[in-house]
């Protein structure tokens, strides 16, 4: 993730604000973090150990972002 984000940074497809969120999450213990989505610099994803979710979320929010904590499930997508 981190190497891929470096490529995206080199291509100039990132914003300063999004970079701050990415580096804040890494600094708080995320394994990796990178921008995601269709462009425009509005979304990023960070991968953490379960015991680092709260500190990473707090770091993201402290840097001005909105953190949403998710986890994998056995079922996957379900449409009701």
Protein backbone atom coordinates (compact mmCIF):
# COMPACT_ATOMS: atom_id res chain seq x y z
CA UNK A 1 0.00 0.00 0.00
CA UNK A 2 2.67 2.45 0.99
CA UNK A 3 4.76 1.90 -2.14
CA UNK A 4 1.67 2.26 -4.32
CA UNK A 5 0.79 5.51 -2.56
CA UNK A 6 4.30 6.74 -3.29
CA UNK A 7 3.66 6.15 -6.99
CA UNK A 8 0.37 8.05 -6.76
CA UNK A 9 2.15 10.93 -5.01
CA UNK A 10 4.82 10.98 -7.73
CA UNK A 11 2.09 11.17 -10.37
CA UNK A 12 0.51 14.10 -8.56
CA UNK A 13 -2.89 12.50 -7.98
CA UNK A 14 -3.09 13.40 -4.32
CA UNK A 15 -3.90 16.45 -2.22
CA UNK A 16 -2.00 17.85 0.74
CA UNK A 17 -5.01 17.23 2.99
CA UNK A 18 -5.26 13.58 1.97
CA UNK A 19 -1.52 13.10 2.40
CA UNK A 20 -1.82 14.40 5.95
CA UNK A 21 -4.50 11.79 6.71
CA UNK A 22 -2.38 9.03 5.19
CA UNK A 23 0.78 9.98 7.07
CA UNK A 24 -1.15 10.48 10.33
CA UNK A 25 -2.64 6.99 10.10
CA UNK A 26 0.75 5.44 9.40
CA UNK A 27 2.26 7.36 12.29
CA UNK A 28 -0.43 5.97 14.60
CA UNK A 29 0.44 2.39 13.70
CA UNK A 30 -1.38 1.50 10.48
CA UNK A 31 0.35 -1.21 8.44
CA UNK A 32 -0.31 0.87 5.34
CA UNK A 33 -2.51 3.63 3.99
CA UNK A 34 -3.29 5.00 0.54
CA UNK A 35 -5.78 7.09 -1.37
CA UNK A 36 -8.63 5.27 -3.06
CA UNK A 37 -11.56 6.04 -5.31
CA UNK A 38 -12.10 7.63 -8.67
CA UNK A 39 -9.93 10.69 -8.16
CA UNK A 40 -10.36 14.06 -6.59
CA UNK A 41 -8.50 13.26 -3.39
CA UNK A 42 -11.42 12.64 -1.10
CA UNK A 43 -10.96 9.13 0.27
CA UNK A 44 -8.24 6.96 1.76
CA UNK A 45 -8.00 3.52 3.33
CA UNK A 46 -5.74 2.38 6.16
CA UNK A 47 -5.05 -1.22 7.15
CA UNK A 48 -4.44 -1.82 10.86
CA UNK A 49 -4.23 -4.53 13.47
CA UNK A 50 -7.41 -4.76 15.53
CA UNK A 51 -5.70 -3.25 18.57
CA UNK A 52 -4.67 -0.18 16.53
CA UNK A 53 -8.10 0.71 15.09
CA UNK A 54 -8.95 3.34 17.70
CA UNK A 55 -5.54 5.10 17.72
CA UNK A 56 -5.47 5.18 13.90
CA UNK A 57 -9.06 6.48 13.73
CA UNK A 58 -8.21 9.16 16.28
CA UNK A 59 -5.14 10.17 14.27
CA UNK A 60 -7.22 10.46 11.09
CA UNK A 61 -9.83 12.58 12.85
CA UNK A 62 -7.11 14.65 14.51
CA UNK A 63 -5.76 15.43 11.04
CA UNK A 64 -9.19 16.61 9.90
CA UNK A 65 -10.67 13.43 8.42
CA UNK A 66 -13.67 11.28 9.26
CA UNK A 67 -12.77 7.73 10.25
CA UNK A 68 -15.05 4.75 9.63
CA UNK A 69 -13.90 1.51 11.25
CA UNK A 70 -14.85 -1.68 9.42
CA UNK A 71 -13.82 -5.30 9.63
CA UNK A 72 -14.02 -8.32 7.35
CA UNK A 73 -16.95 -10.68 7.71
CA UNK A 74 -17.46 -14.29 6.71
CA UNK A 75 -20.68 -13.53 4.84
CA UNK A 76 -19.59 -10.70 2.56
CA UNK A 77 -22.17 -8.49 0.88
CA UNK A 78 -25.82 -9.14 1.77
CA UNK A 79 -28.77 -7.53 0.04
CA UNK A 80 -32.00 -7.55 2.03
